[in-house]
C-alpha cells in the first residue's frame, strides 16, 4: 500500500538527497501512521470495552499515543523543511530531532500511566471476556503493526531519518506488546488463569522501553554525536581521490538536521606544489563533497614536506613512539626546526577521548620518549582531540 501511495504522490522519489523529496516522504508516512493508529485504537478500544480487558485497553491507548506521535513527527517534518532565514542560517532541520524527543517523552508518560492502571487491575482483578471478536482484532493489530514497522524502517533507511527509524522500532515493540495481550487472552480461554493485569504491566514496560529507545535516538544528535563510520569513510575517499591531496586530519562534521551537514577538515598537500593549482584542487574537492554527500565543506589547505627524506624518517619514528603510549594516538602537521644547539620537532598529537592520562601528562611522556631517542631533539607538542570515530 505505502509503495503505491508513494508512486502516486511523490515525484522524483529516488532523489532522497533533495530536502523537499525527503520532507514529502516524512509527511506521507506520518499521515499513513496517523490513520492506521487511529483505526487500531478504535478497534482495540471496542474490543477492550466488550471483553473488559485492561491489557487490551492499555494497548488501545498505546496506539492512540502512537497517532499523536505521528502527528508530532508530521509537524516536525513540516517545520524542518523550512528554508534557512536570517535568524537560522543553518536551517531548521533539528526540529525533526526535537519532535522525535517530544514523541519519546509522550510514549514514556503513557507507559507510566498504563502501568499504574495495570497494577490496580492486579490488585483488584475483574472478569475478562475472551470472545473471537477480541482475539481477531488483536491478530489484525499485530499484522498491521508489523507492516508499519517494515515500511517505516525501509523508508527511514532510505531517507536517513532517525525519527522514522524510531517509529519503526516503536511499531515493532507494539506488535510484541499486542502479542503478549493476545497470549493473556488465550491463556485465560484455555487454562482459566487471569493474567490480564500482569500482561498490562508487560505492555506498559514495552511502551516505556520504546520511549527510552526513541529518546536516545533523537537526543544523541542534538547533543552532538560522532558521525557514522560510513560517512567518515565516504568523506575520506572523496577527498583523497584527488591525488594532490595526500592526507587529511582535523575532520569535524556539524549536524544541523538530516540532510544539513557542514564539514571542515585539513587537507595535506605537497609543500613544493603550485599554490594556485593546489587551491583549485581544494575547490574541486569541496564541490565534489557537496554534489555527492549534499553537505557544505570547507577544506583548509595544509602544506607538508614531501621531498625531505630526513623529515619523513623522523616523523615516522615519532609516530611509532607516540603509539607506545596508546595505539590510537596519531600525529600531523609535523615540522623540524633546527638550531645551533638542538632541533625542535613541532607537531600535533590527536588523542582519543576517555584516556586516563591528562593532556599534559601525554605531552610530557611524548617529550620523554623523544628525548630518549634523540638527545638533541625536543618535542613541541599540541594536543588535538578527534571528533570522529
Protein backbone atom coordinates (compact mmCIF):
# COMPACT_ATOMS: atom_id res chain seq x y z
CA UNK A 1 0.00 0.00 0.00
CA UNK A 2 2.66 2.51 1.02
CA UNK A 3 4.64 1.89 -2.16
CA UNK A 4 1.57 2.59 -4.27
CA UNK A 5 0.86 5.83 -2.39
CA UNK A 6 4.49 6.94 -2.79
CA UNK A 7 4.37 6.32 -6.53
CA UNK A 8 1.16 8.36 -6.77
CA UNK A 9 2.14 11.37 -4.67
CA UNK A 10 5.94 11.76 -4.63
CA UNK A 11 7.63 12.89 -7.81
CA UNK A 12 11.39 12.30 -8.17
CA UNK A 13 11.02 9.79 -5.33
CA UNK A 14 14.51 8.38 -5.88
CA UNK A 15 16.16 11.76 -5.27
CA UNK A 16 16.22 11.32 -1.47
CA UNK A 17 19.08 13.83 -1.09
CA UNK A 18 16.60 16.52 -2.15
CA UNK A 19 15.23 18.11 1.08
CA UNK A 20 11.78 18.57 -0.47
CA UNK A 21 11.54 14.93 -1.57
CA UNK A 22 12.72 13.85 1.86
CA UNK A 23 10.09 16.05 3.51
CA UNK A 24 7.37 14.54 1.30
CA UNK A 25 8.37 11.03 2.40
CA UNK A 26 8.19 12.08 6.05
CA UNK A 27 4.83 13.82 5.72
CA UNK A 28 3.26 10.97 3.75
CA UNK A 29 4.42 8.24 6.14
CA UNK A 30 3.30 10.30 9.14
CA UNK A 31 -0.20 10.71 7.67
CA UNK A 32 -0.45 6.99 6.97
CA UNK A 33 0.73 6.29 10.52
CA UNK A 34 -1.90 8.60 12.00
CA UNK A 35 -4.68 6.92 10.02
CA UNK A 36 -3.64 3.35 10.83
CA UNK A 37 -3.09 4.06 14.53
CA UNK A 38 -6.49 5.73 14.91
CA UNK A 39 -8.13 2.70 13.28
CA UNK A 40 -6.22 0.38 15.62
CA UNK A 41 -7.20 2.47 18.65
CA UNK A 42 -10.89 2.34 17.70
CA UNK A 43 -10.81 -1.41 17.13
CA UNK A 44 -8.89 -2.23 20.31
CA UNK A 45 -10.93 0.18 22.43
CA UNK A 46 -14.09 -1.57 21.28
CA UNK A 47 -12.55 -4.97 21.96
CA UNK A 48 -11.37 -3.85 25.39
CA UNK A 49 -14.78 -2.44 26.28
CA UNK A 50 -16.51 -5.65 25.17
CA UNK A 51 -14.07 -8.00 26.92
CA UNK A 52 -13.31 -5.85 29.97
CA UNK A 53 -9.57 -6.44 29.43
CA UNK A 54 -7.28 -3.78 30.93
CA UNK A 55 -4.41 -5.11 28.79
CA UNK A 56 -6.35 -4.51 25.57
CA UNK A 57 -7.41 -1.05 26.77
CA UNK A 58 -3.79 -0.28 27.61
CA UNK A 59 -2.74 -1.42 24.16
CA UNK A 60 -5.52 0.70 22.60
CA UNK A 61 -4.29 3.87 24.29
CA UNK A 62 -0.78 2.96 23.25
CA UNK A 63 -1.99 3.14 19.64
CA UNK A 64 -3.67 6.47 20.36
CA UNK A 65 -0.37 7.79 21.68
CA UNK A 66 1.27 6.46 18.52
CA UNK A 67 -1.18 8.50 16.45
CA UNK A 68 -0.23 11.56 18.48
CA UNK A 69 3.41 10.69 17.97
CA UNK A 70 2.89 10.51 14.20
CA UNK A 71 1.18 13.90 14.35
CA UNK A 72 4.17 15.41 16.17
CA UNK A 73 6.51 13.79 13.63
CA UNK A 74 4.39 15.27 10.83
CA UNK A 75 4.68 18.75 12.36
CA UNK A 76 8.41 18.18 12.81
CA UNK A 77 8.92 17.31 9.13
CA UNK A 78 6.86 20.35 8.12
CA UNK A 79 8.92 22.79 10.19
CA UNK A 80 12.22 21.05 9.49
CA UNK A 81 11.64 21.64 5.77
CA UNK A 82 11.52 25.42 6.22
CA UNK A 83 14.22 27.31 4.34
CA UNK A 84 17.11 28.97 6.20
CA UNK A 85 16.46 32.56 7.28
CA UNK A 86 18.33 35.42 8.91
CA UNK A 87 17.79 34.09 12.42
CA UNK A 88 18.55 30.46 11.46
CA UNK A 89 21.11 30.49 8.62
CA UNK A 90 21.74 26.75 9.00
CA UNK A 91 18.07 25.88 8.51
CA UNK A 92 15.52 24.29 10.84
CA UNK A 93 16.44 20.63 10.42
CA UNK A 94 16.97 19.98 14.13
CA UNK A 95 13.25 20.49 14.69
CA UNK A 96 12.88 16.91 13.43
CA UNK A 97 15.04 15.74 16.33
CA UNK A 98 13.04 17.86 18.79
CA UNK A 99 9.75 16.43 17.53
CA UNK A 100 11.16 12.93 17.93
CA UNK A 101 12.18 13.75 21.51
CA UNK A 102 8.68 15.05 22.25
CA UNK A 103 7.23 11.81 20.87
CA UNK A 104 9.56 9.77 23.07
CA UNK A 105 8.56 11.67 26.22
CA UNK A 106 4.87 11.23 25.40
CA UNK A 107 5.38 7.48 24.95
CA UNK A 108 7.14 7.16 28.30
CA UNK A 109 4.42 9.10 30.14
CA UNK A 110 1.73 6.97 28.52
CA UNK A 111 3.57 3.82 29.58
CA UNK A 112 3.80 5.00 33.18
CA UNK A 113 0.07 5.78 33.36
CA UNK A 114 -0.89 2.45 31.83
CA UNK A 115 1.46 0.69 34.25
CA UNK A 116 -0.42 2.24 37.17
CA UNK A 117 -3.76 1.05 35.78
CA UNK A 118 -2.40 -2.45 35.28
CA UNK A 119 -1.14 -2.66 38.86
CA UNK A 120 -4.61 -1.67 40.06
CA UNK A 121 -6.00 -4.49 37.88
CA UNK A 122 -3.64 -6.97 39.53
CA UNK A 123 -4.76 -5.85 42.97
CA UNK A 124 -8.46 -5.93 42.03
CA UNK A 125 -8.90 -8.33 39.07
CA UNK A 126 -12.15 -8.42 37.09
CA UNK A 127 -13.59 -10.91 34.63
CA UNK A 128 -12.34 -10.82 31.05
CA UNK A 129 -14.37 -11.97 28.03
CA UNK A 130 -12.29 -13.96 25.52
CA UNK A 131 -14.55 -13.55 22.50
CA UNK A 132 -13.42 -14.40 18.98
CA UNK A 133 -14.02 -10.76 18.00
CA UNK A 134 -11.48 -9.51 20.55
CA UNK A 135 -8.94 -12.15 19.54
CA UNK A 136 -9.46 -11.35 15.85
CA UNK A 137 -8.90 -7.62 16.42
CA UNK A 138 -5.63 -8.35 18.22
CA UNK A 139 -4.40 -10.62 15.40
CA UNK A 140 -5.18 -7.92 12.81
CA UNK A 141 -3.45 -5.33 15.02
CA UNK A 142 -0.26 -7.40 15.19
CA UNK A 143 -0.22 -7.78 11.40
CA UNK A 144 -0.76 -4.03 10.85
CA UNK A 145 1.98 -3.08 13.33
CA UNK A 146 4.46 -5.46 11.71
CA UNK A 147 3.63 -3.87 8.36
CA UNK A 148 4.10 -0.37 9.80
CA UNK A 149 7.43 -1.35 11.31
CA UNK A 150 8.61 -2.68 7.96
CA UNK A 151 7.70 0.35 5.86
CA UNK A 152 8.93 2.85 8.47
CA UNK A 153 12.24 1.01 8.76
CA UNK A 154 12.73 0.81 4.98
CA UNK A 155 11.85 4.46 4.35
CA UNK A 156 13.79 5.58 7.45
CA UNK A 157 16.89 3.96 5.95
CA UNK A 158 16.10 5.38 2.52
CA UNK A 159 15.90 9.00 3.70
CA UNK A 160 18.20 8.55 6.74
CA UNK A 161 15.63 9.68 9.29
CA UNK A 162 16.23 8.96 12.98
CA UNK A 163 12.60 9.87 13.72
CA UNK A 164 11.23 7.28 11.27
CA UNK A 165 13.68 4.60 12.44
CA UNK A 166 12.46 5.26 15.99
CA UNK A 167 8.87 4.95 14.77
CA UNK A 168 9.74 1.60 13.16
CA UNK A 169 11.21 0.33 16.45
CA UNK A 170 8.13 1.60 18.29
CA UNK A 171 5.81 -0.27 15.89
CA UNK A 172 7.80 -3.47 16.35
CA UNK A 173 7.58 -3.17 20.14
CA UNK A 174 3.83 -2.52 19.77
CA UNK A 175 3.48 -5.76 17.83
CA UNK A 176 5.32 -7.59 20.60
CA UNK A 177 3.17 -5.92 23.27
CA UNK A 178 -0.05 -6.85 21.49
CA UNK A 179 1.23 -10.41 21.15
CA UNK A 180 1.58 -10.52 24.94
CA UNK A 181 -2.03 -9.33 25.32
CA UNK A 182 -3.19 -11.99 22.87
CA UNK A 183 -1.33 -14.68 24.80
CA UNK A 184 -3.04 -13.50 28.00
CA UNK A 185 -6.47 -13.92 26.41
CA UNK A 186 -5.57 -17.33 25.03
CA UNK A 187 -4.19 -18.37 28.42
CA UNK A 188 -7.45 -17.34 30.10
CA UNK A 189 -9.55 -19.10 27.47
CA UNK A 190 -7.68 -22.41 27.62
CA UNK A 191 -6.44 -22.54 31.24
CA UNK A 192 -8.77 -20.26 33.17
CA UNK A 193 -5.89 -18.23 34.63
CA UNK A 194 -6.49 -14.45 34.56
CA UNK A 195 -3.11 -12.81 33.95
CA UNK A 196 -4.61 -9.72 32.29
CA UNK A 197 -3.19 -7.25 34.81
CA UNK A 198 0.28 -8.76 34.64
CA UNK A 199 0.21 -8.60 30.85
CA UNK A 200 -0.88 -4.98 31.13
CA UNK A 201 2.28 -4.32 33.16
CA UNK A 202 4.36 -6.03 30.46
CA UNK A 203 2.71 -3.86 27.79
CA UNK A 204 3.46 -0.75 29.85
CA UNK A 205 7.11 -1.82 30.15
CA UNK A 206 7.26 -2.36 26.37
CA UNK A 207 5.91 1.15 25.87
CA UNK A 208 8.37 2.74 28.32
CA UNK A 209 11.28 0.88 26.73
CA UNK A 210 10.21 2.01 23.25
CA UNK A 211 10.02 5.59 24.52
CA UNK A 212 13.51 5.31 26.02
CA UNK A 213 14.92 3.98 22.73
CA UNK A 214 13.26 6.77 20.74
CA UNK A 215 14.57 9.40 23.18
CA UNK A 216 18.09 8.02 22.91
CA UNK A 217 17.99 8.06 19.10
CA UNK A 218 16.78 11.68 18.92
CA UNK A 219 18.66 13.18 21.86
CA UNK A 220 22.07 11.91 20.77
CA UNK A 221 22.30 14.02 17.56
CA UNK A 222 21.04 17.04 19.47
CA UNK A 223 23.92 16.66 21.93
CA UNK A 224 26.43 16.26 19.10
CA UNK A 225 27.12 12.58 18.43
CA UNK A 226 30.02 11.33 16.34
CA UNK A 227 29.17 10.83 12.65
CA UNK A 228 28.73 7.34 11.24
CA UNK A 229 31.85 5.46 10.20
CA UNK A 230 30.37 5.07 6.72
CA UNK A 231 30.07 8.86 6.29
CA UNK A 232 33.64 9.39 7.52
CA UNK A 233 34.95 6.83 5.02
CA UNK A 234 32.99 8.49 2.20
CA UNK A 235 34.42 11.91 3.07
CA UNK A 236 37.92 10.48 3.25
CA UNK A 237 37.62 8.57 -0.03
CA UNK A 238 36.18 11.52 -1.94
CA UNK A 239 38.82 13.93 -0.65
CA UNK A 240 41.76 11.59 -1.20
CA UNK A 241 40.54 10.68 -4.70
CA UNK A 242 42.25 13.94 -5.73
CA UNK A 243 45.85 12.76 -5.96
CA UNK A 244 47.27 16.13 -4.98
CA UNK A 245 45.68 15.73 -1.52
CA UNK A 246 47.90 13.22 0.26
CA UNK A 247 46.25 13.15 3.68
CA UNK A 248 43.50 14.63 5.84
CA UNK A 249 43.11 15.42 9.52
CA UNK A 250 41.07 17.59 11.91
CA UNK A 251 37.82 16.37 10.34
CA UNK A 252 34.73 17.84 12.01
CA UNK A 253 31.13 17.12 10.96
CA UNK A 254 28.47 19.58 12.11
CA UNK A 255 24.93 18.17 12.04
CA UNK A 256 22.16 20.76 11.71
CA UNK A 257 19.48 18.17 10.99
CA UNK A 258 19.00 15.39 8.43
CA UNK A 259 20.41 16.47 5.06
CA UNK A 260 22.01 19.59 6.58
CA UNK A 261 25.65 18.75 7.26
CA UNK A 262 28.66 21.03 7.31
CA UNK A 263 32.16 19.59 7.08
CA UNK A 264 35.52 21.12 7.89
CA UNK A 265 38.87 19.38 7.53
CA UNK A 266 42.54 19.95 6.82
CA UNK A 267 43.81 18.60 3.50
CA UNK A 268 47.55 17.88 3.31
CA UNK A 269 49.21 18.90 0.04
CA UNK A 270 52.87 18.87 -1.11
CA UNK A 271 54.65 21.97 0.18
CA UNK A 272 56.56 22.39 -3.08
CA UNK A 273 53.42 22.45 -5.29
CA UNK A 274 51.94 25.38 -7.18
CA UNK A 275 49.69 27.16 -4.70
CA UNK A 276 47.16 28.23 -7.33
CA UNK A 277 46.85 24.74 -8.79
CA UNK A 278 46.54 23.20 -5.32
CA UNK A 279 43.89 25.75 -4.36
CA UNK A 280 41.89 24.74 -7.42
CA UNK A 281 42.15 21.08 -6.35
CA UNK A 282 40.82 22.01 -2.91
CA UNK A 283 37.90 23.84 -4.53
CA UNK A 284 37.11 20.80 -6.67
CA UNK A 285 37.16 18.51 -3.63
CA UNK A 286 34.75 20.82 -1.77
CA UNK A 287 32.43 20.86 -4.78
CA UNK A 288 32.50 17.06 -5.09
CA UNK A 289 31.65 16.62 -1.40
CA UNK A 290 28.69 18.94 -1.94
CA UNK A 291 27.47 17.06 -5.03
CA UNK A 292 27.88 13.51 -3.68
CA UNK A 293 27.07 13.93 0.01
CA UNK A 294 24.87 17.03 -0.08
CA UNK A 295 26.96 18.81 2.54
CA UNK A 296 28.77 22.13 2.67
CA UNK A 297 32.51 21.55 3.03
CA UNK A 298 35.40 23.80 3.98
CA UNK A 299 38.89 22.39 3.44
CA UNK A 300 41.94 24.09 4.93
CA UNK A 301 45.00 23.60 2.72
CA UNK A 302 47.85 22.23 4.82
CA UNK A 303 51.29 22.13 3.08
CA UNK A 304 53.59 19.31 4.21
CA UNK A 305 57.17 18.39 3.42
CA UNK A 306 57.34 15.51 0.94
CA UNK A 307 60.85 15.66 -0.56
CA UNK A 308 62.95 15.65 2.61
CA UNK A 309 63.80 12.07 3.48
CA UNK A 310 65.19 13.01 6.90
CA UNK A 311 61.96 14.71 7.97
CA UNK A 312 59.85 11.84 6.68
CA UNK A 313 62.01 9.29 8.53
CA UNK A 314 61.93 11.22 11.82
CA UNK A 315 58.16 11.74 11.53
CA UNK A 316 57.60 8.00 11.04
CA UNK A 317 59.72 7.22 14.09
CA UNK A 318 57.90 9.80 16.23
CA UNK A 319 54.57 8.26 15.12
CA UNK A 320 55.81 4.88 16.38
CA UNK A 321 56.96 6.40 19.67
CA UNK A 322 53.60 8.01 20.49
CA UNK A 323 51.82 4.75 19.74
CA UNK A 324 53.69 3.25 22.69
CA UNK A 325 51.54 5.48 24.90
CA UNK A 326 48.32 4.46 23.14
CA UNK A 327 47.93 2.80 19.75
CA UNK A 328 45.12 5.21 18.84
CA UNK A 329 47.23 8.38 19.03
CA UNK A 330 48.22 9.88 15.67
CA UNK A 331 50.31 12.91 14.71
CA UNK A 332 50.12 15.54 11.97
CA UNK A 333 51.48 18.98 10.96
CA UNK A 334 54.99 17.71 11.59
CA UNK A 335 57.89 20.17 11.25
CA UNK A 336 61.60 20.17 12.14
CA UNK A 337 63.19 23.47 13.13
CA UNK A 338 66.95 23.16 13.53
CA UNK A 339 69.06 25.46 15.72
CA UNK A 340 72.73 25.65 16.77
CA UNK A 341 72.21 23.55 19.93
CA UNK A 342 69.07 21.47 19.33
CA UNK A 343 66.24 20.69 16.91
CA UNK A 344 62.57 21.25 17.72
CA UNK A 345 60.11 18.64 16.50
CA UNK A 346 56.83 20.55 16.25
CA UNK A 347 53.63 18.59 15.69
CA UNK A 348 50.04 17.98 16.81
CA UNK A 349 49.04 14.74 18.53
CA UNK A 350 45.44 13.57 18.15
CA UNK A 351 44.35 11.95 21.41
CA UNK A 352 41.14 9.86 21.73
CA UNK A 353 38.56 10.68 24.37
CA UNK A 354 38.47 8.60 27.52
CA UNK A 355 42.22 8.32 28.16
CA UNK A 356 43.26 8.11 31.79
CA UNK A 357 46.26 10.38 31.24
CA UNK A 358 45.75 14.14 31.15
CA UNK A 359 46.78 16.14 28.09
CA UNK A 360 49.81 17.49 29.95
CA UNK A 361 50.88 14.02 31.04
CA UNK A 362 50.71 12.88 27.42
CA UNK A 363 52.80 15.87 26.30
CA UNK A 364 55.40 15.12 29.00
CA UNK A 365 55.53 11.44 28.08
CA UNK A 366 56.00 12.20 24.36
CA UNK A 367 58.77 14.65 25.23
CA UNK A 368 60.46 11.98 27.36
CA UNK A 369 60.27 9.35 24.61
CA UNK A 370 61.68 11.76 22.03
CA UNK A 371 64.49 12.78 24.39
CA UNK A 372 65.38 9.13 24.96
CA UNK A 373 65.54 8.54 21.21
CA UNK A 374 67.42 11.69 20.21
CA UNK A 375 69.42 13.62 22.80
CA UNK A 376 69.32 16.92 20.89
CA UNK A 377 65.69 16.72 19.72
CA UNK A 378 62.92 18.42 21.68
CA UNK A 379 59.23 17.71 21.18
CA UNK A 380 56.94 20.74 20.95
CA UNK A 381 53.50 19.11 21.07
CA UNK A 382 49.97 20.49 20.72
CA UNK A 383 47.17 18.15 21.78
CA UNK A 384 44.13 17.69 19.50
CA UNK A 385 41.06 15.59 20.18
CA UNK A 386 39.39 13.64 17.36
CA UNK A 387 35.74 14.49 16.74
CA UNK A 388 35.05 11.45 14.58
CA UNK A 389 35.21 7.74 15.34
